[in-house]
Structures are given as C-alpha cells and as structure tokens.
Amino acid sequence: MRPFNRTAIPSSPRLPKRRHLKVASNWRSRLASVCLLGEPSLTWLTCAFLLFPLSAGLVGMKAWAATPVPARGIDRKALRGEQASERWQEFRNQFRGQVPATDNEPGFAFKVRLEKFPRRGEVVTRRGFLYGVWSDQGLLRMDFPSENGEEVTSALLRNGPVPEAWRLAPGDKEPHRMEGIDFFAPLAAGMDYSGFDALMPFIHWEKVSYVGSGRVIGRTAHLFACVPPKKVKEINPDIGYVRVAVDDAYNALLRVELFGRRGLVERKFSVIGFKKVRDVWIVKTIDLLDTRSREKTRLRIEAAAVDLSFGPETFRKENLDRLPQVPEKSFVFFD
C-alpha cells in the first residue's frame, strides 16, 4: 500500500488538511472510471448500516494490538502514513460486495424495530427484517411491512466497488433500480434511512484522509475523512465529507458523521450496543441523528438468527416479491 501523498484534501473549516490515503488495490482503475455514483450501468450506492450495514458491525475478528491514544482529545499522529493506510484497507475489505454464486451460503436474519423520535409528537414505530450472508458484509436485503401488514417495501443492496441497489414498493410490478438521487430518498414510508445510509458508498471513495485517533463511545478509535468524488457532489452538493470512526481493537464501525458544506455535522450514525448470539457478536442498536431537525431514529435488533443457510435466490432482485422463510425457532430473542 502506498504512503500518503502531499496533496491536501479540499476541506471545510473543521477538517484539517491531511495527505490523501491512497489505497492500492485491483479496484483502483474501476473506481477512478466510475467515480462511485451516477453512471447508469455502474450505479452504486449504501452507507451502509450503517447501517448501515448491520453486518459491518460484526466484531468477531481477531483484535489488533492496542494503539496508544490519549483518554481525551484527538491524537493526530497516533498512526503514521503506512499504518493508517493498512488500517483503512483492512476495514474496507469487509465491503467487497460479492454476489453469492452457490447454495448454502452461511447467513443471518434480524428482526428489527425502527423508532423515530420526532422533535414534537408521538414516537413512530415500524418493524421489519434484514437478511445477509457472513461471506459478504456488503450484501443486505431489507423487508418492511406497512402498518396494516398487508403491503411490504423491499430493498436489495449490494455494496462494493461496483454497487447495485433495487427497491420494490407496494404497487410496483417489478423492482426499480436505484440511481442517482434515488439513493438519498427514504427506503420506505416513515423511515429516515435511505440507500446511502444503508450502503455506505463512501467506504469506496478514493480520496480518504486519516484525521487522527481518540475515544468514541468509550473505545479507542481511528478517524478517517472521506471526500466525495465530483459526480456525487453533482447529485448531492450538500455533502462536504464523511468522517468514519473505526474501532482499534476489532476494526469494526463505531460511528459515521456526515458533514455539510458549512463544516458542521448534519447526520450522525452511532453504534450504541452489541449483542453476543451463539458465539457471534452483532450490532444491537444504532442511532441516526439528524442535527438539523433534531430528530432521532433508533434501529434496534429484537431477534437474530445467525446460523442460517441461504441460496442465491434470496438475494436476486426478481425475488423481492417473495419473503424469505425463516423458522421462528431459529431466532434468539433479546430483552
């Protein structure tokens, strides 16, 4: 992996100038040609659970050696150029986005509850399902029934250097391929989560800078700033950059902050808690905070099945009108 070069990142007032982290990989040429968004044939877009790719929060990996970081504040030199590049590449490798090609892929199913806490009024609650495979943490299917349970909005999201996403809304005869501004719209009625929030495309942006290291939710973390390519800025000019906090010990995602053009955080995703299910650690709770409206949406996993086997048909766009069948006994329910 190449060390940082000397070109400064275009930054807001709150982002110090840093040398770019150039990730050397076989994806480079494709990323450069596509610019990660807006091309009809290669449209991509997350953000991942955060969610978010929930599977991005898996912490069942071997721990790194702890990096000395002060208990308070940000140490901007905790990692040197080559160390920062290696850490980011290890984190990025979790989102390769390979489509399952064989049967019996080990996977998971989550029963989730979304709660929107508006600035005024009552809490809005929606329940749904998330499905994925452990061999590819960038692949996610989401199914959210309506309040009456008769209609379902489904989405299929595949992260990676060439991401793809489809959405099947009530009344649609076939899935709609998400492109351009579609990724910034809510995935389902009553949800704040968008395709951008779920796929985390910024993980594959080429212009990445190491900001420093510090404490995030009480854990040692390394902070990286991801600057959007030109075509993303053309679609959504309000995005300044995205700051990602990566856990030092487990290389897991802890926090995502989206900065606007004024250099202020406009949206923040934070992992609130983890849960161990049959020897596998998963994310249990994630908060999405819109700092402009001061409204919060909490995504909580209420039950998890972590030892399932899925065939490739579960993650085909033409099958979004068929809900996966998971035996109730496979789920472990949380308190």
Protein backbone atom coordinates (compact mmCIF):
# COMPACT_ATOMS: atom_id res chain seq x y z
CA MET A 1 0.00 0.00 0.00
CA ARG A 2 1.31 3.42 -0.93
CA PRO A 3 2.03 6.06 1.70
CA PHE A 4 0.15 9.35 1.80
CA ASN A 5 0.94 11.85 -0.91
CA ARG A 6 1.29 15.56 -0.30
CA THR A 7 -1.92 16.84 -1.91
CA ALA A 8 -4.26 18.48 0.58
CA ILE A 9 -7.92 17.40 0.74
CA PRO A 10 -10.50 20.04 -0.10
CA SER A 11 -11.83 20.63 3.39
CA SER A 12 -14.33 22.54 5.41
CA PRO A 13 -13.10 24.82 8.22
CA ARG A 14 -13.25 21.96 10.72
CA LEU A 15 -11.31 19.42 8.69
CA PRO A 16 -7.55 19.89 8.96
CA LYS A 17 -5.56 19.45 5.81
CA ARG A 18 -4.19 15.96 5.52
CA ARG A 19 -2.37 14.00 2.94
CA HIS A 20 -4.57 11.61 0.96
CA LEU A 21 -4.64 7.98 1.83
CA LYS A 22 -4.17 6.19 -1.49
CA VAL A 23 -5.37 2.62 -1.26
CA ALA A 24 -3.52 0.36 -3.69
CA SER A 25 -5.82 -2.42 -4.90
CA ASN A 26 -7.15 -4.03 -8.03
CA TRP A 27 -10.24 -1.85 -7.66
CA ARG A 28 -8.43 1.41 -8.34
CA SER A 29 -8.96 1.63 -12.08
CA ARG A 30 -12.66 0.81 -11.83
CA LEU A 31 -13.22 3.28 -9.01
CA ALA A 32 -11.49 6.05 -10.90
CA SER A 33 -13.53 5.47 -14.05
CA VAL A 34 -16.91 5.23 -12.34
CA CYS A 35 -16.40 7.83 -9.58
CA LEU A 36 -18.68 5.65 -7.50
CA LEU A 37 -22.04 7.09 -8.45
CA GLY A 38 -24.24 8.36 -11.21
CA GLU A 39 -23.28 6.03 -14.06
CA PRO A 40 -26.44 4.18 -15.22
CA SER A 41 -24.56 0.96 -15.88
CA LEU A 42 -22.50 1.03 -12.70
CA THR A 43 -24.57 2.96 -10.19
CA TRP A 44 -23.57 2.12 -6.62
CA LEU A 45 -24.91 3.16 -3.64
CA THR A 46 -25.17 2.24 0.76
CA CYS A 47 -23.79 3.64 3.52
CA ALA A 48 -24.10 1.11 4.92
CA PHE A 49 -25.59 0.16 8.14
CA LEU A 50 -24.51 1.65 8.92
CA LEU A 51 -26.14 0.88 8.50
CA PHE A 52 -25.73 0.60 7.78
CA PRO A 53 -24.94 -2.49 7.10
CA LEU A 54 -25.51 -4.13 10.19
CA SER A 55 -23.13 -6.86 9.31
CA ALA A 56 -20.46 -4.18 9.16
CA GLY A 57 -20.71 -4.08 12.94
CA LEU A 58 -19.62 -7.69 13.31
CA VAL A 59 -16.76 -7.84 15.79
CA GLY A 60 -15.83 -11.48 15.65
CA MET A 61 -12.41 -10.70 14.22
CA LYS A 62 -9.03 -11.09 15.78
CA ALA A 63 -8.08 -8.00 17.75
CA TRP A 64 -5.27 -5.72 16.68
CA ALA A 65 -2.60 -4.69 19.13
CA ALA A 66 -3.90 -1.67 21.01
CA THR A 67 -2.73 1.71 19.75
CA PRO A 68 -1.73 4.27 22.42
CA VAL A 69 -4.31 7.05 22.33
CA PRO A 70 -4.95 9.71 24.96
CA ALA A 71 -8.11 9.26 27.02
CA ARG A 72 -9.30 12.69 25.94
CA GLY A 73 -8.99 14.66 22.76
CA ILE A 74 -7.62 13.62 19.38
CA ASP A 75 -4.09 12.42 18.75
CA ARG A 76 -3.45 13.34 15.11
CA LYS A 77 -0.25 11.32 14.93
CA ALA A 78 -1.28 8.04 16.54
CA LEU A 79 -0.93 6.30 13.18
CA ARG A 80 1.74 7.06 10.61
CA GLY A 81 1.06 7.06 6.86
CA GLU A 82 1.61 3.36 6.19
CA GLN A 83 -0.17 2.30 9.40
CA ALA A 84 -3.22 4.41 8.57
CA SER A 85 -3.35 3.03 5.03
CA GLU A 86 -3.22 -0.54 6.30
CA ARG A 87 -5.94 0.07 8.87
CA TRP A 88 -8.28 1.62 6.30
CA GLN A 89 -7.67 -1.15 3.78
CA GLU A 90 -8.43 -3.83 6.39
CA PHE A 91 -11.67 -2.05 7.22
CA ARG A 92 -12.62 -1.54 3.57
CA ASN A 93 -12.01 -5.20 2.73
CA GLN A 94 -15.14 -6.08 4.70
CA PHE A 95 -17.28 -4.48 1.99
CA ARG A 96 -16.22 -6.23 -1.18
CA GLY A 97 -19.78 -6.86 -2.36
CA GLN A 98 -19.52 -10.28 -3.99
CA VAL A 99 -22.78 -11.88 -5.12
CA PRO A 100 -23.33 -15.40 -3.73
CA ALA A 101 -22.82 -17.91 -6.52
CA THR A 102 -23.50 -21.18 -4.67
CA ASP A 103 -26.18 -22.62 -2.41
CA ASN A 104 -25.99 -22.86 1.36
CA GLU A 105 -24.16 -19.59 1.97
CA PRO A 106 -23.97 -19.05 5.77
CA GLY A 107 -26.14 -16.11 6.63
CA PHE A 108 -28.23 -14.24 9.17
CA ALA A 109 -31.72 -12.82 9.63
CA PHE A 110 -32.60 -9.99 12.01
CA LYS A 111 -35.98 -8.87 13.27
CA VAL A 112 -35.66 -5.12 13.70
CA ARG A 113 -37.64 -2.25 15.17
CA LEU A 114 -37.33 1.31 13.90
CA GLU A 115 -38.39 4.08 16.26
CA LYS A 116 -38.50 7.67 15.10
CA PHE A 117 -38.37 10.23 17.89
CA PRO A 118 -39.69 13.46 16.36
CA ARG A 119 -38.97 16.83 17.87
CA ARG A 120 -42.67 17.07 18.63
CA GLY A 121 -45.38 14.46 18.70
CA GLU A 122 -45.53 10.74 19.34
CA VAL A 123 -42.87 8.15 18.58
CA VAL A 124 -43.39 6.40 15.21
CA THR A 125 -42.56 2.66 15.19
CA ARG A 126 -42.02 0.28 12.27
CA ARG A 127 -40.86 -3.32 12.32
CA GLY A 128 -39.09 -5.24 9.58
CA PHE A 129 -36.49 -7.80 8.62
CA LEU A 130 -32.85 -7.71 7.50
CA TYR A 131 -31.08 -10.59 5.74
CA GLY A 132 -27.45 -11.06 4.76
CA VAL A 133 -24.59 -13.53 4.35
CA TRP A 134 -21.46 -13.65 6.51
CA SER A 135 -19.19 -14.21 3.50
CA ASP A 136 -20.06 -10.75 2.17
CA GLN A 137 -20.86 -8.00 4.63
CA GLY A 138 -21.83 -5.65 1.81
CA LEU A 139 -24.92 -7.65 0.79
CA LEU A 140 -28.19 -6.78 2.50
CA ARG A 141 -31.88 -7.35 1.93
CA MET A 142 -34.50 -5.30 3.80
CA ASP A 143 -38.25 -6.01 4.07
CA PHE A 144 -40.57 -3.57 5.87
CA PRO A 145 -44.31 -4.32 6.07
CA SER A 146 -46.74 -1.42 6.25
CA GLU A 147 -48.57 -0.62 9.47
CA ASN A 148 -51.50 -2.82 8.46
CA GLY A 149 -49.10 -5.62 7.48
CA GLU A 150 -50.71 -6.08 4.06
CA GLU A 151 -48.08 -4.28 1.97
CA VAL A 152 -44.31 -4.69 2.03
CA THR A 153 -41.49 -2.44 0.82
CA SER A 154 -38.39 -4.44 -0.04
CA ALA A 155 -34.87 -3.37 -0.99
CA LEU A 156 -31.80 -5.25 -2.14
CA LEU A 157 -28.48 -3.51 -1.53
CA ARG A 158 -25.06 -4.72 -2.64
CA ASN A 159 -22.04 -2.72 -1.59
CA GLY A 160 -18.65 -2.93 -3.28
CA PRO A 161 -16.56 -1.18 -5.92
CA VAL A 162 -19.50 -1.51 -8.33
CA PRO A 163 -22.56 -1.33 -6.01
CA GLU A 164 -26.11 -2.04 -7.07
CA ALA A 165 -29.48 -1.49 -5.42
CA TRP A 166 -33.14 -2.21 -6.19
CA ARG A 167 -36.37 -1.26 -4.44
CA LEU A 168 -39.81 -2.86 -4.73
CA ALA A 169 -42.54 -0.61 -3.32
CA PRO A 170 -46.21 -1.52 -2.82
CA GLY A 171 -47.98 -1.43 -6.19
CA ASP A 172 -44.79 -1.92 -8.23
CA LYS A 173 -44.91 -4.73 -10.80
CA GLU A 174 -41.14 -5.13 -10.79
CA PRO A 175 -38.16 -3.82 -8.79
CA HIS A 176 -36.93 -0.31 -9.52
CA ARG A 177 -33.19 0.09 -9.99
CA MET A 178 -31.95 2.88 -7.74
CA GLU A 179 -29.84 5.52 -9.45
CA GLY A 180 -28.54 8.98 -8.67
CA ILE A 181 -30.78 10.93 -6.30
CA ASP A 182 -32.79 7.75 -5.53
CA PHE A 183 -30.12 6.78 -3.05
CA PHE A 184 -30.85 9.79 -0.86
CA ALA A 185 -34.61 9.19 -0.61
CA PRO A 186 -36.22 7.16 2.22
CA LEU A 187 -36.28 3.43 1.53
CA ALA A 188 -39.81 3.09 2.93
CA ALA A 189 -42.57 5.37 4.16
CA GLY A 190 -42.00 6.53 7.73
CA MET A 191 -38.27 5.69 7.60
CA ASP A 192 -35.41 8.17 7.68
CA TYR A 193 -32.96 5.58 6.37
CA SER A 194 -32.00 5.96 2.74
CA GLY A 195 -29.99 3.80 0.38
CA PHE A 196 -26.97 6.00 1.08
CA ASP A 197 -27.37 5.38 4.81
CA ALA A 198 -27.60 1.64 4.30
CA LEU A 199 -24.82 1.02 1.77
CA MET A 200 -22.12 3.42 2.94
CA PRO A 201 -20.67 4.12 -0.52
CA PHE A 202 -18.09 6.49 0.95
CA ILE A 203 -16.11 3.45 2.07
CA HIS A 204 -15.04 3.07 -1.56
CA TRP A 205 -14.37 6.73 -2.31
CA GLU A 206 -10.80 7.15 -3.43
CA LYS A 207 -10.00 10.36 -1.59
CA VAL A 208 -9.58 9.35 2.08
CA SER A 209 -7.56 11.09 4.79
CA TYR A 210 -6.50 9.95 8.25
CA VAL A 211 -7.74 12.60 10.70
CA GLY A 212 -6.46 11.23 13.99
CA SER A 213 -7.31 8.84 16.83
CA GLY A 214 -9.31 9.26 20.01
CA ARG A 215 -12.22 7.93 22.07
CA VAL A 216 -15.58 7.07 20.50
CA ILE A 217 -18.34 5.64 22.76
CA GLY A 218 -15.59 4.95 25.26
CA ARG A 219 -13.40 2.93 22.86
CA THR A 220 -10.13 3.71 21.12
CA ALA A 221 -10.93 4.56 17.50
CA HIS A 222 -9.23 5.84 14.38
CA LEU A 223 -10.93 8.61 12.40
CA PHE A 224 -10.88 8.86 8.61
CA ALA A 225 -12.36 11.60 6.40
CA CYS A 226 -13.87 10.51 3.06
CA VAL A 227 -14.29 13.25 0.44
CA PRO A 228 -16.98 12.65 -2.23
CA PRO A 229 -15.97 12.44 -5.90
CA LYS A 230 -17.22 15.03 -8.37
CA LYS A 231 -20.20 13.02 -9.62
CA VAL A 232 -21.51 12.51 -6.09
CA LYS A 233 -21.23 16.26 -5.44
CA GLU A 234 -23.18 16.92 -8.62
CA ILE A 235 -26.02 14.70 -7.37
CA ASN A 236 -25.96 16.00 -3.79
CA PRO A 237 -23.91 19.22 -3.47
CA ASP A 238 -24.72 19.48 0.24
CA ILE A 239 -22.23 16.74 1.17
CA GLY A 240 -18.93 18.13 2.41
CA TYR A 241 -17.25 14.94 3.59
CA VAL A 242 -17.95 11.88 5.71
CA ARG A 243 -15.95 11.04 8.85
CA VAL A 244 -15.72 7.37 9.84
CA ALA A 245 -14.66 6.06 13.26
CA VAL A 246 -13.12 2.55 13.17
CA ASP A 247 -12.59 0.55 16.37
CA ASP A 248 -8.91 -0.01 17.13
CA ALA A 249 -9.24 -3.49 18.62
CA TYR A 250 -11.81 -5.08 16.30
CA ASN A 251 -11.65 -2.96 13.14
CA ALA A 252 -15.44 -2.50 13.40
CA LEU A 253 -17.50 0.54 12.50
CA LEU A 254 -18.37 2.71 15.51
CA ARG A 255 -19.64 6.00 14.10
CA VAL A 256 -20.37 7.79 10.83
CA GLU A 257 -20.71 11.58 10.64
CA LEU A 258 -21.87 13.41 7.51
CA PHE A 259 -20.57 16.98 7.32
CA GLY A 260 -22.33 19.59 5.23
CA ARG A 261 -20.89 22.43 3.20
CA ARG A 262 -20.59 24.64 6.29
CA GLY A 263 -18.34 22.11 8.02
CA LEU A 264 -20.97 21.07 10.58
CA VAL A 265 -22.27 17.55 11.28
CA GLU A 266 -25.71 17.18 9.68
CA ARG A 267 -26.30 13.44 10.18
CA LYS A 268 -24.67 11.08 12.64
CA PHE A 269 -24.87 7.29 12.91
CA SER A 270 -23.65 5.79 16.16
CA VAL A 271 -23.39 2.18 17.29
CA ILE A 272 -24.95 2.12 20.76
CA GLY A 273 -24.57 -1.52 21.73
CA PHE A 274 -23.52 -5.02 20.71
CA LYS A 275 -25.02 -8.42 21.46
CA LYS A 276 -23.47 -11.88 21.52
CA VAL A 277 -25.64 -14.50 19.79
CA ARG A 278 -24.35 -18.09 19.73
CA ASP A 279 -20.71 -17.02 19.87
CA VAL A 280 -21.16 -14.28 17.24
CA TRP A 281 -21.05 -10.58 18.11
CA ILE A 282 -23.53 -8.41 16.22
CA VAL A 283 -24.64 -4.81 16.40
CA LYS A 284 -27.75 -4.50 18.57
CA THR A 285 -28.65 -0.80 18.46
CA ILE A 286 -27.83 2.07 16.10
CA ASP A 287 -28.94 5.69 16.38
CA LEU A 288 -29.38 8.03 13.44
CA LEU A 289 -29.45 11.70 14.47
CA ASP A 290 -30.45 14.49 12.11
CA THR A 291 -28.86 17.51 13.72
CA ARG A 292 -30.81 19.94 11.53
CA SER A 293 -34.28 18.72 12.54
CA ARG A 294 -33.07 17.42 15.94
CA GLU A 295 -34.94 14.18 15.26
CA LYS A 296 -33.54 10.75 16.06
CA THR A 297 -34.28 7.34 14.58
CA ARG A 298 -33.23 4.26 16.55
CA LEU A 299 -32.74 0.90 14.86
CA ARG A 300 -32.83 -1.97 17.32
CA ILE A 301 -32.43 -5.68 16.59
CA GLU A 302 -35.08 -7.55 18.56
CA ALA A 303 -34.17 -11.09 17.46
CA ALA A 304 -31.39 -12.69 15.45
CA ALA A 305 -30.79 -15.95 13.62
CA VAL A 306 -27.09 -16.22 12.89
CA ASP A 307 -26.62 -19.78 11.62
CA LEU A 308 -28.85 -19.88 8.54
CA SER A 309 -28.14 -21.17 5.03
CA PHE A 310 -29.34 -19.10 2.09
CA GLY A 311 -29.38 -19.95 -1.57
CA PRO A 312 -28.61 -17.21 -4.11
CA GLU A 313 -32.31 -16.84 -4.94
CA THR A 314 -32.84 -14.94 -1.66
CA PHE A 315 -30.70 -12.07 -2.96
CA ARG A 316 -32.00 -11.81 -6.52
CA LYS A 317 -33.93 -8.70 -7.45
CA GLU A 318 -36.62 -10.67 -9.28
CA ASN A 319 -37.43 -12.44 -5.98
CA LEU A 320 -38.05 -9.31 -3.89
CA ASP A 321 -41.78 -10.05 -4.01
CA ARG A 322 -41.20 -13.29 -2.07
CA LEU A 323 -40.36 -13.02 1.60
CA PRO A 324 -37.61 -15.40 2.81
CA GLN A 325 -38.92 -18.15 5.04
CA VAL A 326 -37.01 -18.39 8.33
CA PRO A 327 -38.26 -20.81 11.03
CA GLU A 328 -39.26 -19.00 14.21
CA LYS A 329 -37.20 -21.43 16.27
CA SER A 330 -34.04 -20.18 14.53
CA PHE A 331 -34.29 -16.78 16.23
CA VAL A 332 -32.77 -15.78 19.55
CA PHE A 333 -34.91 -13.01 21.08
CA PHE A 334 -33.39 -10.18 23.11
CA ASP A 335 -34.67 -8.50 26.23
